[in-house]
C-alpha atoms as a PDB file:
ATOM      1  CA  MET A   1     -48.180  -3.563 -10.626  1.00  0.00           C
ATOM      2  CA  ALA A   2     -46.866  -0.673  -8.483  1.00  0.00           C
ATOM      3  CA  VAL A   3     -45.796  -3.157  -5.804  1.00  0.00           C
ATOM      4  CA  LEU A   4     -43.764  -5.139  -8.349  1.00  0.00           C
ATOM      5  CA  ALA A   5     -42.118  -1.983  -9.705  1.00  0.00           C
ATOM      6  CA  THR A   6     -41.188  -0.854  -6.187  1.00  0.00           C
ATOM      7  CA  ALA A   7     -39.788  -4.286  -5.341  1.00  0.00           C
ATOM      8  CA  GLY A   8     -37.772  -4.256  -8.568  1.00  0.00           C
ATOM      9  CA  VAL A   9     -36.270  -0.874  -7.721  1.00  0.00           C
ATOM     10  CA  ALA A  10     -35.353  -2.069  -4.220  1.00  0.00           C
ATOM     11  CA  VAL A  11     -33.641  -5.174  -5.634  1.00  0.00           C
ATOM     12  CA  ALA A  12     -31.777  -3.114  -8.244  1.00  0.00           C
ATOM     13  CA  ALA A  13     -30.648  -0.607  -5.611  1.00  0.00           C
ATOM     14  CA  ALA A  14     -29.388  -3.409  -3.368  1.00  0.00           C
ATOM     15  CA  ALA A  15     -27.471  -4.921  -6.273  1.00  0.00           C
ATOM     16  CA  VAL A  16     -25.483  -1.727  -6.917  1.00  0.00           C
ATOM     17  CA  ALA A  17     -25.035  -0.560  -3.327  1.00  0.00           C
ATOM     18  CA  PRO A  18     -21.325  -0.228  -2.455  1.00  0.00           C
ATOM     19  CA  LEU A  19     -19.744  -2.559   0.066  1.00  0.00           C
ATOM     20  CA  PRO A  20     -19.122  -1.046   3.493  1.00  0.00           C
ATOM     21  CA  ALA A  21     -15.630   0.401   3.972  1.00  0.00           C
ATOM     22  CA  SER A  22     -14.865  -2.285   6.541  1.00  0.00           C
ATOM     23  CA  ALA A  23     -15.403  -5.026   3.929  1.00  0.00           C
ATOM     24  CA  VAL A  24     -13.102  -3.732   1.185  1.00  0.00           C
ATOM     25  CA  SER A  25     -10.336  -1.201   1.555  1.00  0.00           C
ATOM     26  CA  PRO A  26      -9.740   1.255  -1.275  1.00  0.00           C
ATOM     27  CA  VAL A  27      -6.108   1.500  -0.127  1.00  0.00           C
ATOM     28  CA  LEU A  28      -3.737  -1.077  -1.597  1.00  0.00           C
ATOM     29  CA  PHE A  29      -0.250  -1.814  -2.847  1.00  0.00           C
ATOM     30  CA  THR A  30       0.473  -1.139  -6.513  1.00  0.00           C
ATOM     31  CA  GLY A  31       4.142  -2.112  -6.667  1.00  0.00           C
ATOM     32  CA  ILE A  32       7.436  -2.855  -4.947  1.00  0.00           C
ATOM     33  CA  GLN A  33      10.879  -1.895  -6.238  1.00  0.00           C
ATOM     34  CA  TYR A  34      12.777  -4.593  -4.350  1.00  0.00           C
ATOM     35  CA  ASP A  35      16.135  -4.594  -6.152  1.00  0.00           C
ATOM     36  CA  PRO A  36      17.138  -1.041  -7.052  1.00  0.00           C
ATOM     37  CA  PRO A  37      19.428  -0.521 -10.038  1.00  0.00           C
ATOM     38  CA  GLY A  38      23.150  -0.529  -9.336  1.00  0.00           C
ATOM     39  CA  PRO A  39      25.279  -2.173  -6.680  1.00  0.00           C
ATOM     40  CA  ASP A  40      23.777  -2.812  -3.257  1.00  0.00           C
ATOM     41  CA  TYR A  41      25.766  -0.140  -1.443  1.00  0.00           C
ATOM     42  CA  ARG A  42      23.908   0.935   1.668  1.00  0.00           C
ATOM     43  CA  THR A  43      24.077   4.623   0.900  1.00  0.00           C
ATOM     44  CA  ASN A  44      20.925   6.540   1.710  1.00  0.00           C
ATOM     45  CA  ALA A  45      20.467   7.404  -1.975  1.00  0.00           C
ATOM     46  CA  GLN A  46      20.592   3.722  -2.934  1.00  0.00           C
ATOM     47  CA  LEU A  47      18.307   2.676  -0.055  1.00  0.00           C
ATOM     48  CA  ASN A  48      15.743   5.225  -1.264  1.00  0.00           C
ATOM     49  CA  ARG A  49      15.687   3.571  -4.691  1.00  0.00           C
ATOM     50  CA  GLU A  50      14.040   0.623  -2.923  1.00  0.00           C
ATOM     51  CA  TYR A  51      10.383   1.383  -2.214  1.00  0.00           C
ATOM     52  CA  VAL A  52       6.773   0.264  -2.032  1.00  0.00           C
ATOM     53  CA  VAL A  53       3.844   2.177  -3.548  1.00  0.00           C
ATOM     54  CA  VAL A  54       0.466   2.513  -1.798  1.00  0.00           C
ATOM     55  CA  ARG A  55      -2.564   3.864  -3.664  1.00  0.00           C
ATOM     56  CA  ASN A  56      -5.969   5.160  -2.595  1.00  0.00           C
ATOM     57  CA  ASN A  57      -8.365   4.075  -5.356  1.00  0.00           C
ATOM     58  CA  SER A  58     -11.352   5.867  -3.883  1.00  0.00           C
ATOM     59  CA  THR A  59     -12.322   9.467  -4.553  1.00  0.00           C
ATOM     60  CA  ARG A  60     -12.257  10.255  -0.825  1.00  0.00           C
ATOM     61  CA  SER A  61      -9.222  10.953   1.314  1.00  0.00           C
ATOM     62  CA  VAL A  62      -8.194   8.240   3.766  1.00  0.00           C
ATOM     63  CA  THR A  63      -6.348   8.921   7.011  1.00  0.00           C
ATOM     64  CA  LEU A  64      -3.484   6.417   7.180  1.00  0.00           C
ATOM     65  CA  ALA A  65      -1.978   7.633  10.453  1.00  0.00           C
ATOM     66  CA  GLY A  66      -1.040   4.558  12.465  1.00  0.00           C
ATOM     67  CA  TRP A  67      -1.428   2.138   9.528  1.00  0.00           C
ATOM     68  CA  ARG A  68       1.541  -0.187   9.010  1.00  0.00           C
ATOM     69  CA  ILE A  69       3.505  -1.855   6.255  1.00  0.00           C
ATOM     70  CA  ARG A  70       5.268  -5.077   7.258  1.00  0.00           C
ATOM     71  CA  ASP A  71       7.475  -7.495   5.404  1.00  0.00           C
ATOM     72  CA  ALA A  72       7.809 -11.245   6.058  1.00  0.00           C
ATOM     73  CA  GLN A  73      10.483 -10.590   8.726  1.00  0.00           C
ATOM     74  CA  ASN A  74       8.180  -8.077  10.480  1.00  0.00           C
ATOM     75  CA  HIS A  75      10.220  -4.996   9.571  1.00  0.00           C
ATOM     76  CA  THR A  76       7.552  -2.376  10.232  1.00  0.00           C
ATOM     77  CA  PHE A  77       6.842   1.057   8.814  1.00  0.00           C
ATOM     78  CA  VAL A  78       4.170   3.116  10.601  1.00  0.00           C
ATOM     79  CA  PHE A  79       2.450   5.901   8.680  1.00  0.00           C
ATOM     80  CA  PRO A  80       3.091   9.178  10.513  1.00  0.00           C
ATOM     81  CA  ARG A  81       0.580  10.995  12.677  1.00  0.00           C
ATOM     82  CA  GLY A  82      -1.795  13.093  10.604  1.00  0.00           C
ATOM     83  CA  PHE A  83      -0.906  11.449   7.270  1.00  0.00           C
ATOM     84  CA  VAL A  84      -3.812  11.596   4.801  1.00  0.00           C
ATOM     85  CA  LEU A  85      -3.744   9.959   1.372  1.00  0.00           C
ATOM     86  CA  ARG A  86      -5.992  11.933  -0.951  1.00  0.00           C
ATOM     87  CA  GLY A  87      -8.395  10.187  -3.294  1.00  0.00           C
ATOM     88  CA  ARG A  88      -6.961   8.708  -6.496  1.00  0.00           C
ATOM     89  CA  THR A  89      -3.366   9.371  -5.398  1.00  0.00           C
ATOM     90  CA  SER A  90      -0.363   7.257  -4.408  1.00  0.00           C
ATOM     91  CA  VAL A  91       2.424   7.554  -1.884  1.00  0.00           C
ATOM     92  CA  VAL A  92       5.897   6.058  -2.313  1.00  0.00           C
ATOM     93  CA  VAL A  93       7.411   4.666   0.891  1.00  0.00           C
ATOM     94  CA  HIS A  94      11.201   4.690   0.447  1.00  0.00           C
ATOM     95  CA  THR A  95      13.434   2.435   2.541  1.00  0.00           C
ATOM     96  CA  GLY A  96      16.007   5.068   3.575  1.00  0.00           C
ATOM     97  CA  ARG A  97      15.807   8.462   5.213  1.00  0.00           C
ATOM     98  CA  GLY A  98      14.366  11.697   3.890  1.00  0.00           C
ATOM     99  CA  ARG A  99      11.828  14.429   4.418  1.00  0.00           C
ATOM    100  CA  ASN A 100       8.233  13.191   4.365  1.00  0.00           C
ATOM    101  CA  THR A 101       5.789  14.801   1.931  1.00  0.00           C
ATOM    102  CA  SER A 102       2.283  13.943   0.753  1.00  0.00           C
ATOM    103  CA  VAL A 103       3.720  11.775  -2.043  1.00  0.00           C
ATOM    104  CA  ASN A 104       6.997  10.456  -0.534  1.00  0.00           C
ATOM    105  CA  LEU A 105       7.468   8.900   2.885  1.00  0.00           C
ATOM    106  CA  TYR A 106      10.648   7.438   4.361  1.00  0.00           C
ATOM    107  CA  TRP A 107      11.029   4.227   6.385  1.00  0.00           C
ATOM    108  CA  GLY A 108      14.235   5.514   7.973  1.00  0.00           C
ATOM    109  CA  SER A 109      16.108   2.228   7.653  1.00  0.00           C
ATOM    110  CA  GLY A 110      19.854   1.920   7.217  1.00  0.00           C
ATOM    111  CA  ASN A 111      19.387  -1.531   5.653  1.00  0.00           C
ATOM    112  CA  TYR A 112      17.389  -2.890   2.743  1.00  0.00           C
ATOM    113  CA  ILE A 113      13.889  -4.114   3.653  1.00  0.00           C
ATOM    114  CA  TRP A 114      12.647  -5.994   0.575  1.00  0.00           C
ATOM    115  CA  ASN A 115      14.501  -9.249  -0.089  1.00  0.00           C
ATOM    116  CA  ASN A 116      15.719  -9.796  -3.637  1.00  0.00           C
ATOM    117  CA  THR A 117      14.877 -13.510  -3.355  1.00  0.00           C
ATOM    118  CA  GLY A 118      11.216 -12.879  -2.488  1.00  0.00           C
ATOM    119  CA  ASP A 119       9.116 -11.309   0.220  1.00  0.00           C
ATOM    120  CA  THR A 120       5.571 -10.427   1.254  1.00  0.00           C
ATOM    121  CA  ALA A 121       4.311  -6.941   2.046  1.00  0.00           C
ATOM    122  CA  ARG A 122       1.278  -6.540   4.322  1.00  0.00           C
ATOM    123  CA  LEU A 123      -0.725  -3.338   4.666  1.00  0.00           C
ATOM    124  CA  GLN A 124      -2.420  -3.192   8.071  1.00  0.00           C
ATOM    125  CA  THR A 125      -4.790  -0.857   9.863  1.00  0.00           C
ATOM    126  CA  PRO A 126      -4.050   0.419  13.389  1.00  0.00           C
ATOM    127  CA  ALA A 127      -6.327  -2.410  14.615  1.00  0.00           C
ATOM    128  CA  ASN A 128      -3.858  -4.872  13.020  1.00  0.00           C
ATOM    129  CA  ARG A 129      -6.293  -5.910  10.250  1.00  0.00           C
ATOM    130  CA  THR A 130      -4.500  -6.782   7.012  1.00  0.00           C
ATOM    131  CA  VAL A 131      -6.210  -4.974   4.125  1.00  0.00           C
ATOM    132  CA  ASP A 132      -3.790  -5.923   1.329  1.00  0.00           C
ATOM    133  CA  THR A 133      -0.759  -8.098   0.643  1.00  0.00           C
ATOM    134  CA  CYS A 134       1.763  -8.276  -2.165  1.00  0.00           C
ATOM    135  CA  SER A 135       4.097 -11.255  -2.550  1.00  0.00           C
ATOM    136  CA  TYR A 136       6.835 -11.955  -5.049  1.00  0.00           C
ATOM    137  CA  ARG A 137       9.602 -14.438  -5.793  1.00  0.00           C
ATOM    138  CA  GLN A 138      12.929 -13.850  -7.440  1.00  0.00           C
ATOM    139  CA  VAL A 139      12.741 -13.848 -11.230  1.00  0.00           C
ATOM    140  CA  SER A 140      15.873 -13.377 -13.303  1.00  0.00           C
ATOM    141  CA  GLY A 141      16.031  -9.924 -14.834  1.00  0.00           C
ATOM    142  CA  ARG A 142      13.217  -8.505 -12.714  1.00  0.00           C
ATOM    143  CA  ALA A 143      13.745  -5.901  -9.982  1.00  0.00           C
ATOM    144  CA  ARG A 144      10.193  -4.602  -9.515  1.00  0.00           C
ATOM    145  CA  VAL A 145       6.831  -6.253  -9.073  1.00  0.00           C
ATOM    146  CA  ALA A 146       3.368  -4.879  -9.737  1.00  0.00           C
ATOM    147  CA  CYS A 147       0.858  -5.797  -7.077  1.00  0.00           C
END
């Protein structure tokens, strides 16, 4: 009887054991503002109204230094050296220029990144492994997509 109870505990423990970090990333896209409100003037203020949001769903901090965000045309944003995304928090990556903080990062582009007609965002590790994607197509009256 003790052998069966021990085996049952081992099976139950295996069933609830978390997946290794390499199998599933807690870091993912939660949305893209691809068509900011107002005319498409390429002012820095308007460029910064276009953005992508990345969230860490785990309770632990994740170092994102060297991770990348790419669109379908391979426009690439690289997370800055030393950047850490705390557990259960998000960071907004704006298209234009600005001063990086723990909750706002800036691509530094003078042009729009996310196509209004549709695009695909890829979140990649420094080893070039894609951990999340977010795709959308143009829908009348929509300017933001939840991932």
